[in-house]
Amino acid sequence: MPVDIRAPRTLSLPGSKSITARALFLAAAADGVTTLVRPLRSDDTEGFAEGLVRLGYRVGRTPDTWQVDGRPQGPAVAEADVYCRDGATTARFLPTLAAAGHGTYRFDASPQMRRRPLLPLSRALRDLGVDLRHEEAEGHHPLTVRAAGVEGGEVVLDAGQSSQYLTALLLLGPLTRRGLRIRVTDLVSVPYVEITIAMMRAFGVEVTREDDVFVVPPGGYRATTYRVEPDASTASYFFAAAAITPGAGVTVPGLGRGALQGDLGFVDVLRRMGAEVTLGADATTVRGTGSLHGLTVNMRDISDTMPTLAAIAPFASGPVRIEDVANTRVKECDRLDACAENLRRLGVRVATGPDWIEIHPGTPTGAQVTTYGDHRIVMSFAVTGLRVPGISFDDPGCVRKTFPGFHEAFAELRRGIGG
């Protein structure tokens, strides 16, 4: 049957959450005033910016640019109480930034974030001489940092649960007196670490790697103007929407061959399944061909897009098996179980293991999706809803964490591609 080919929809998507959070840390630590162009404005990033303000940094915000007055010497106040909301980057990066200063800083977070682990980072900071104390459950918020600067030196880190632990230490390195040598015993989501290293280079710091050891020199950062690229994880929902809609196409400018974010690799998964993918210098287009194949794929390095693939897997012609994603069990919710439970609720056959999920072809039926307050569960199953009438969500508003305007943008896409 011929496929109806329509011109691809060109979408302007919000800035990357991962890049915005790193840019805020780097801007706060740099010597001078940094301008961030098109940063993401969402609950997570606004929470990060507010945390910086609580620590005494000056942050000026307009709709398209944020300006941060950097303080290489650390927070401008001697005491602060910072609420990190639901943001994992906020909850992990800000205590690390505060450790480089001088004062007493208390950090707390939402009940959801309180459940998420922090202990490998806490241990590494303590090994570097930081006085860090968890008030309730060891390895979880709330915590207090009594900061007196960080000497630096060698430290061992297990980043098998989250690459954010390594990113936090890498970002801290130039603020220490001697620099850091970080020996990593395990590491997940390597592309996120590569984002960190590339961004540190843009702020004047060159990180080197010797096998499992990351070497960060002292000397601080220099301020700059930094443009934030669109969020590749967010783009995955729109690319997936095109892939399951015959003849429909979606183009995202600002994400091309030079993109920093590893999650753009999701389009390679769609290509393997049968979608048509065009990766340009500064834009990516995905088009639905009317056919999607099953596959087995390792998503360790792009695990934030695992729910996106799970949500479209029933429309493939064969089973879709996603492997090596144990770390998705310690995100905003246990995403492996959340995807499995919701797919079963839609009438799809699913099997799971400690670090994998296998989804069989099926004809989903409408039902209410349990979101567990996780923005990625909502956005992923919104894609399923393009093909399945009657899908609703118990907490559709939790998308504000990363994309407050998601439902409006997705409704517009639905009209545009005829879903």
Protein backbone atom coordinates (compact mmCIF):
# COMPACT_ATOMS: atom_id res chain seq x y z
CA MET A 1 0.00 0.00 0.00
CA PRO A 2 1.46 3.43 -0.90
CA VAL A 3 2.36 5.66 2.02
CA ASP A 4 1.02 9.21 2.11
CA ILE A 5 4.13 11.42 2.20
CA ARG A 6 3.61 14.81 3.80
CA ALA A 7 6.13 17.57 4.39
CA PRO A 8 7.83 17.05 7.76
CA ARG A 9 6.76 19.25 10.64
CA THR A 10 9.56 21.51 11.89
CA LEU A 11 9.45 21.81 15.67
CA SER A 12 11.09 24.30 17.99
CA LEU A 13 11.67 22.39 21.22
CA PRO A 14 12.78 23.65 24.65
CA GLY A 15 16.43 23.66 25.64
CA SER A 16 18.14 20.63 27.15
CA LYS A 17 17.58 20.07 30.85
CA SER A 18 20.95 18.36 31.24
CA ILE A 19 22.82 21.14 29.48
CA THR A 20 20.94 23.92 31.29
CA ALA A 21 21.75 22.43 34.72
CA ARG A 22 25.45 22.03 33.87
CA ALA A 23 25.55 25.52 32.39
CA LEU A 24 24.09 27.01 35.57
CA PHE A 25 26.78 25.32 37.70
CA LEU A 26 29.55 26.42 35.31
CA ALA A 27 28.22 29.98 35.13
CA ALA A 28 28.01 30.21 38.92
CA ALA A 29 31.60 28.92 39.27
CA ALA A 30 33.11 31.04 36.47
CA ASP A 31 35.01 34.30 36.85
CA GLY A 32 32.73 36.93 35.33
CA VAL A 33 29.19 37.19 33.94
CA THR A 34 27.91 34.31 31.81
CA THR A 35 24.94 34.60 29.44
CA LEU A 36 22.93 31.44 28.75
CA VAL A 37 20.97 31.61 25.51
CA ARG A 38 17.64 29.72 25.27
CA PRO A 39 17.99 27.76 28.52
CA LEU A 40 15.21 25.40 29.48
CA ARG A 41 12.55 27.01 31.65
CA SER A 42 10.93 24.21 33.65
CA ASP A 43 10.37 23.24 37.27
CA ASP A 44 13.77 21.53 37.46
CA THR A 45 15.82 24.36 36.00
CA GLU A 46 13.90 27.10 37.78
CA GLY A 47 14.56 25.16 40.99
CA PHE A 48 18.27 25.07 40.19
CA ALA A 49 18.32 28.82 39.52
CA GLU A 50 16.41 29.53 42.73
CA GLY A 51 18.90 27.37 44.61
CA LEU A 52 21.75 29.49 43.27
CA VAL A 53 19.91 32.63 44.40
CA ARG A 54 19.51 31.13 47.90
CA LEU A 55 23.27 30.57 47.93
CA GLY A 56 23.85 34.25 47.13
CA TYR A 57 24.52 34.14 43.40
CA ARG A 58 22.92 36.80 41.21
CA VAL A 59 20.79 35.28 38.45
CA GLY A 60 18.99 37.53 35.98
CA ARG A 61 16.26 35.87 33.91
CA THR A 62 14.50 37.01 30.75
CA PRO A 63 12.43 34.72 28.50
CA ASP A 64 15.32 33.82 26.16
CA THR A 65 18.49 34.49 28.19
CA TRP A 66 19.72 34.04 31.73
CA GLN A 67 22.72 35.91 33.12
CA VAL A 68 24.71 34.60 36.07
CA ASP A 69 27.36 36.53 38.01
CA GLY A 70 29.98 33.92 38.74
CA ARG A 71 31.75 33.56 42.08
CA PRO A 72 34.83 31.29 41.84
CA GLN A 73 35.19 31.59 45.62
CA GLY A 74 31.79 29.96 46.22
CA PRO A 75 28.44 31.08 47.66
CA ALA A 76 28.06 34.73 48.67
CA VAL A 77 26.29 33.87 51.92
CA ALA A 78 27.64 32.06 54.97
CA GLU A 79 24.40 30.19 55.65
CA ALA A 80 21.58 29.02 53.43
CA ASP A 81 18.66 26.60 53.35
CA VAL A 82 18.07 25.30 49.81
CA TYR A 83 15.03 23.35 48.60
CA CYS A 84 15.92 21.26 45.52
CA ARG A 85 12.32 20.38 44.53
CA ASP A 86 12.24 17.21 42.34
CA GLY A 87 15.49 17.98 40.52
CA ALA A 88 18.21 15.32 40.66
CA THR A 89 20.78 17.64 39.09
CA THR A 90 19.87 20.37 41.59
CA ALA A 91 20.02 17.93 44.51
CA ARG A 92 23.39 16.52 43.47
CA PHE A 93 25.18 19.47 41.88
CA LEU A 94 24.36 22.30 44.33
CA PRO A 95 25.75 20.63 47.49
CA THR A 96 28.91 19.88 45.49
CA LEU A 97 29.17 23.52 44.37
CA ALA A 98 28.59 24.73 47.93
CA ALA A 99 31.39 22.50 49.23
CA ALA A 100 33.91 24.68 47.37
CA GLY A 101 32.86 27.73 49.42
CA HIS A 102 32.92 28.61 53.10
CA GLY A 103 29.80 28.35 55.22
CA THR A 104 27.00 26.05 56.37
CA TYR A 105 24.48 25.02 53.75
CA ARG A 106 21.45 22.78 54.24
CA PHE A 107 19.73 21.04 51.33
CA ASP A 108 16.37 19.28 51.22
CA ALA A 109 14.15 18.01 48.41
CA SER A 110 10.71 16.68 47.57
CA PRO A 111 9.59 13.28 48.90
CA GLN A 112 10.24 11.84 45.43
CA MET A 113 13.79 13.20 45.35
CA ARG A 114 14.41 12.18 48.96
CA ARG A 115 13.95 8.57 47.85
CA ARG A 116 16.59 8.81 45.13
CA PRO A 117 20.16 7.71 46.03
CA LEU A 118 23.07 10.04 46.72
CA LEU A 119 25.48 7.93 48.78
CA PRO A 120 28.29 7.32 46.20
CA LEU A 121 28.65 11.08 45.74
CA SER A 122 28.42 11.74 49.49
CA ARG A 123 31.19 9.20 50.15
CA ALA A 124 33.44 10.70 47.50
CA LEU A 125 32.98 14.22 48.87
CA ARG A 126 33.72 12.99 52.39
CA ASP A 127 36.85 11.24 51.10
CA LEU A 128 37.92 14.66 49.79
CA GLY A 129 37.53 16.12 53.27
CA VAL A 130 34.08 17.68 52.92
CA ASP A 131 32.01 17.77 56.11
CA LEU A 132 28.73 16.41 54.73
CA ARG A 133 26.05 14.96 56.99
CA HIS A 134 22.75 13.31 56.10
CA GLU A 135 20.11 14.25 58.65
CA GLU A 136 17.80 11.26 58.30
CA ALA A 137 18.45 8.30 55.95
CA GLU A 138 22.13 7.87 55.11
CA GLY A 139 22.73 8.66 51.45
CA HIS A 140 19.54 10.67 51.01
CA HIS A 141 18.31 14.23 51.46
CA PRO A 142 18.11 16.23 53.65
CA LEU A 143 21.82 16.94 54.17
CA THR A 144 24.08 19.68 55.49
CA VAL A 145 27.44 20.75 54.09
CA ARG A 146 29.82 22.61 56.38
CA ALA A 147 32.10 23.97 53.70
CA ALA A 148 35.71 25.05 54.04
CA GLY A 149 36.88 24.72 50.45
CA VAL A 150 38.17 21.51 48.89
CA GLU A 151 41.87 20.65 48.71
CA GLY A 152 41.48 18.11 45.90
CA GLY A 153 43.61 15.08 45.13
CA GLU A 154 42.59 11.50 44.31
CA VAL A 155 39.20 9.93 44.93
CA VAL A 156 37.42 6.70 43.97
CA LEU A 157 33.80 6.82 42.74
CA ASP A 158 31.16 4.26 41.83
CA ALA A 159 28.97 5.90 39.15
CA GLY A 160 27.09 2.72 38.23
CA GLN A 161 23.76 4.13 39.48
CA SER A 162 24.06 7.58 37.96
CA SER A 163 26.58 9.45 35.84
CA GLN A 164 25.52 12.60 37.71
CA TYR A 165 27.83 11.59 40.57
CA LEU A 166 30.82 11.77 38.23
CA THR A 167 29.57 14.95 36.58
CA ALA A 168 29.28 16.67 39.98
CA LEU A 169 32.90 15.81 40.84
CA LEU A 170 34.18 16.79 37.39
CA LEU A 171 32.47 20.18 37.71
CA LEU A 172 33.96 20.61 41.19
CA GLY A 173 37.51 19.80 40.08
CA PRO A 174 38.64 23.24 38.84
CA LEU A 175 37.37 24.83 42.07
CA THR A 176 39.67 22.68 44.24
CA ARG A 177 43.14 23.83 45.23
CA ARG A 178 44.97 20.87 43.66
CA GLY A 179 42.54 19.58 41.05
CA LEU A 180 41.07 16.08 41.04
CA ARG A 181 41.98 12.59 39.88
CA ILE A 182 38.73 10.58 39.87
CA ARG A 183 39.03 6.81 39.56
CA VAL A 184 35.71 5.37 38.39
CA THR A 185 34.88 1.76 39.28
CA ASP A 186 31.62 1.66 37.29
CA LEU A 187 29.89 4.11 34.99
CA VAL A 188 26.45 4.36 33.39
CA SER A 189 25.15 6.85 30.78
CA VAL A 190 28.59 7.71 29.39
CA PRO A 191 27.24 10.28 26.86
CA TYR A 192 26.14 12.51 29.75
CA VAL A 193 29.71 12.58 31.02
CA GLU A 194 30.85 13.52 27.54
CA ILE A 195 28.39 16.44 27.62
CA THR A 196 29.96 17.59 30.89
CA ILE A 197 33.51 17.41 29.55
CA ALA A 198 32.58 19.28 26.35
CA MET A 199 30.85 22.03 28.33
CA MET A 200 33.76 22.38 30.74
CA ARG A 201 35.97 22.90 27.68
CA ALA A 202 33.67 25.73 26.55
CA PHE A 203 34.25 27.36 29.97
CA GLY A 204 38.05 27.02 29.66
CA VAL A 205 38.85 23.69 31.37
CA GLU A 206 40.31 20.62 29.65
CA VAL A 207 39.58 17.27 31.31
CA THR A 208 41.80 14.34 30.38
CA ARG A 209 41.14 10.63 30.78
CA GLU A 210 43.61 7.86 31.55
CA ASP A 211 41.67 4.59 31.28
CA ASP A 212 39.32 4.70 34.30
CA VAL A 213 40.82 7.89 35.76
CA PHE A 214 39.49 11.36 34.94
CA VAL A 215 42.01 14.15 35.56
CA VAL A 216 40.68 17.67 36.22
CA PRO A 217 43.14 20.57 36.62
CA PRO A 218 42.68 23.38 39.16
CA GLY A 219 42.47 27.00 38.08
CA GLY A 220 38.77 27.77 37.75
CA TYR A 221 36.46 28.61 34.85
CA ARG A 222 36.11 31.63 32.59
CA ALA A 223 32.73 33.22 31.87
CA THR A 224 31.28 32.99 28.37
CA THR A 225 28.10 33.20 26.31
CA TYR A 226 26.64 29.71 25.98
CA ARG A 227 23.81 28.60 23.68
CA VAL A 228 21.73 25.70 25.01
CA GLU A 229 20.75 23.15 22.35
CA PRO A 230 17.23 21.61 22.24
CA ASP A 231 16.55 18.70 24.58
CA ALA A 232 17.23 15.39 22.79
CA SER A 233 15.30 13.37 25.37
CA THR A 234 12.24 15.55 24.76
CA ALA A 235 12.77 15.24 21.00
CA SER A 236 12.50 11.45 21.32
CA TYR A 237 8.71 11.67 21.86
CA PHE A 238 8.21 13.66 18.68
CA PHE A 239 10.56 11.45 16.66
CA ALA A 240 8.70 8.38 17.96
CA ALA A 241 5.38 9.98 16.99
CA ALA A 242 6.61 10.31 13.42
CA ALA A 243 7.94 6.74 13.40
CA ILE A 244 4.52 5.23 14.23
CA THR A 245 2.59 7.44 11.79
CA PRO A 246 2.96 6.32 8.15
CA GLY A 247 4.15 9.13 5.90
CA ALA A 248 4.50 11.64 8.73
CA GLY A 249 7.78 13.41 9.35
CA VAL A 250 9.26 15.51 12.15
CA THR A 251 12.31 17.77 11.89
CA VAL A 252 14.04 19.20 14.97
CA PRO A 253 16.50 22.02 14.15
CA GLY A 254 19.45 22.53 16.48
CA LEU A 255 20.01 18.78 16.89
CA GLY A 256 22.35 17.39 14.26
CA ARG A 257 25.67 15.63 13.85
CA GLY A 258 27.40 18.09 16.19
CA ALA A 259 24.89 17.73 19.04
CA LEU A 260 26.31 17.12 22.51
CA GLN A 261 23.50 14.91 23.77
CA GLY A 262 23.83 11.15 23.49
CA ASP A 263 20.04 10.72 23.63
CA LEU A 264 19.94 11.77 19.99
CA GLY A 265 21.14 8.18 19.45
CA PHE A 266 17.49 7.21 19.93
CA VAL A 267 16.95 7.96 16.23
CA ASP A 268 19.41 5.17 15.39
CA VAL A 269 17.11 2.77 17.26
CA LEU A 270 14.16 4.05 15.20
CA ARG A 271 16.21 3.58 12.02
CA ARG A 272 16.96 -0.03 12.97
CA MET A 273 13.24 -0.57 13.45
CA GLY A 274 12.44 0.70 9.97
CA ALA A 275 11.87 4.46 10.27
CA GLU A 276 13.55 6.79 7.81
CA VAL A 277 16.12 9.00 9.56
CA THR A 278 18.06 11.94 8.12
CA LEU A 279 20.82 13.32 10.35
CA GLY A 280 22.00 16.67 9.06
CA ALA A 281 24.66 19.07 10.24
CA ASP A 282 22.21 21.04 12.40
CA ALA A 283 18.87 19.20 12.20
CA THR A 284 17.41 15.70 12.40
CA THR A 285 14.35 14.38 10.56
CA VAL A 286 12.46 11.15 11.28
CA ARG A 287 9.75 9.87 8.95
CA GLY A 288 7.35 6.97 9.42
CA THR A 289 7.51 4.34 6.68
CA GLY A 290 4.46 2.35 7.74
CA SER A 291 6.53 -0.50 9.13
CA LEU A 292 8.36 -1.02 12.41
CA HIS A 293 10.36 -4.16 13.20
CA GLY A 294 11.12 -5.74 16.54
CA LEU A 295 14.69 -5.70 17.84
CA THR A 296 16.95 -6.28 20.82
CA VAL A 297 18.77 -3.13 21.90
CA ASN A 298 21.17 -2.13 24.68
CA MET A 299 20.05 1.25 26.00
CA ARG A 300 22.51 1.66 28.89
CA ASP A 301 23.84 4.90 27.44
CA ILE A 302 20.46 6.37 26.39
CA SER A 303 18.30 5.01 29.19
CA ASP A 304 16.13 8.14 29.52
CA THR A 305 14.62 7.17 26.15
CA MET A 306 13.79 3.63 27.28
CA PRO A 307 10.17 4.57 28.15
CA THR A 308 9.76 6.18 24.72
CA LEU A 309 10.72 2.94 22.99
CA ALA A 310 8.63 0.87 25.39
CA ALA A 311 5.57 3.00 24.61
CA ILE A 312 5.77 2.38 20.84
CA ALA A 313 7.02 -1.22 21.05
CA PRO A 314 3.52 -2.81 20.75
CA PHE A 315 3.27 -1.39 17.21
CA ALA A 316 6.36 -3.29 16.00
CA SER A 317 6.00 -6.49 13.99
CA GLY A 318 8.07 -8.50 16.47
CA PRO A 319 9.14 -8.39 20.12
CA VAL A 320 11.16 -5.41 21.37
CA ARG A 321 13.70 -6.30 24.06
CA ILE A 322 15.48 -3.45 25.87
CA GLU A 323 18.55 -4.48 27.87
CA ASP A 324 21.07 -3.07 30.38
CA VAL A 325 18.77 -0.42 31.88
CA ALA A 326 18.91 -1.30 35.59
CA ASN A 327 19.58 2.36 36.40
CA THR A 328 16.06 3.25 35.22
CA ARG A 329 14.78 1.64 38.41
CA VAL A 330 16.20 4.53 40.49
CA LYS A 331 14.88 7.47 38.46
CA GLU A 332 11.78 9.51 39.36
CA CYS A 333 10.12 6.12 39.69
CA ASP A 334 11.01 2.53 38.84
CA ARG A 335 10.59 3.11 35.12
CA LEU A 336 10.99 -0.53 34.13
CA ASP A 337 8.09 -1.60 36.33
CA ALA A 338 6.06 1.51 35.49
CA CYS A 339 6.32 0.83 31.76
CA ALA A 340 5.51 -2.85 32.23
CA GLU A 341 2.49 -2.22 34.46
CA ASN A 342 1.03 0.42 32.16
CA LEU A 343 1.54 -1.65 29.03
CA ARG A 344 -0.22 -4.58 30.70
CA ARG A 345 -3.03 -2.23 31.65
CA LEU A 346 -3.34 -1.46 27.92
CA GLY A 347 -3.55 -5.19 27.16
CA VAL A 348 0.04 -5.74 25.97
CA ARG A 349 2.12 -8.81 26.87
CA VAL A 350 5.30 -7.82 28.73
CA ALA A 351 8.12 -9.57 30.59
CA THR A 352 10.78 -7.92 32.76
CA GLY A 353 13.99 -8.82 34.57
CA PRO A 354 16.46 -6.96 36.79
CA ASP A 355 17.77 -4.84 33.91
CA TRP A 356 15.55 -5.62 30.91
CA ILE A 357 12.05 -5.45 29.50
CA GLU A 358 10.56 -7.37 26.57
CA ILE A 359 7.39 -6.13 24.90
CA HIS A 360 5.38 -8.19 22.44
CA PRO A 361 3.35 -6.90 19.51
CA GLY A 362 -0.26 -6.21 20.33
CA THR A 363 -3.30 -4.03 19.89
CA PRO A 364 -3.40 -1.74 22.93
CA THR A 365 -6.72 -0.54 24.28
CA GLY A 366 -7.47 2.68 26.12
CA ALA A 367 -6.91 2.96 29.87
CA GLN A 368 -5.67 5.39 32.49
CA VAL A 369 -1.88 5.44 32.73
CA THR A 370 -0.42 5.57 36.23
CA THR A 371 2.36 8.14 36.01
CA TYR A 372 4.01 7.83 39.45
CA GLY A 373 4.64 11.56 39.14
CA ASP A 374 7.21 10.85 36.39
CA HIS A 375 7.25 13.26 33.46
CA ARG A 376 8.79 10.67 31.12
CA ILE A 377 6.00 8.17 31.68
CA VAL A 378 3.43 10.79 30.67
CA MET A 379 5.29 11.97 27.58
CA SER A 380 6.08 8.42 26.42
CA PHE A 381 2.53 7.13 26.69
CA ALA A 382 1.22 10.27 25.01
CA VAL A 383 2.92 8.84 21.92
CA THR A 384 1.01 5.57 22.37
CA GLY A 385 -2.12 7.69 22.51
CA LEU A 386 -1.59 8.76 18.90
CA ARG A 387 -2.64 5.25 17.88
CA VAL A 388 -4.82 4.24 20.84
CA PRO A 389 -7.99 6.20 21.71
CA GLY A 390 -8.95 6.53 25.36
CA ILE A 391 -5.53 6.88 27.01
CA SER A 392 -5.54 9.27 29.98
CA PHE A 393 -3.17 10.07 32.85
CA ASP A 394 -3.64 10.29 36.59
CA ASP A 395 -1.15 13.21 36.80
CA PRO A 396 -0.70 14.84 33.37
CA GLY A 397 0.72 18.00 34.94
CA CYS A 398 3.96 16.38 36.09
CA VAL A 399 5.44 17.24 32.67
CA ARG A 400 6.19 20.68 34.15
CA LYS A 401 9.40 19.11 35.47
CA THR A 402 11.01 19.39 32.04
CA PHE A 403 8.44 20.63 29.49
CA PRO A 404 5.51 22.63 30.89
CA GLY A 405 4.04 23.13 27.41
CA PHE A 406 4.28 19.49 26.34
CA HIS A 407 0.57 18.72 26.02
CA GLU A 408 -0.07 21.80 23.89
CA ALA A 409 2.94 21.07 21.66
CA PHE A 410 1.94 17.44 21.27
CA ALA A 411 -1.67 18.33 20.45
CA GLU A 412 -0.39 20.64 17.74
CA LEU A 413 1.80 17.85 16.37
CA ARG A 414 -1.15 15.46 16.40
CA ARG A 415 -3.15 17.90 14.27
CA GLY A 416 -0.20 18.45 11.95
CA ILE A 417 0.62 14.81 11.23
CA GLY A 418 -2.98 13.64 11.19
CA GLY A 419 -2.57 11.31 14.20
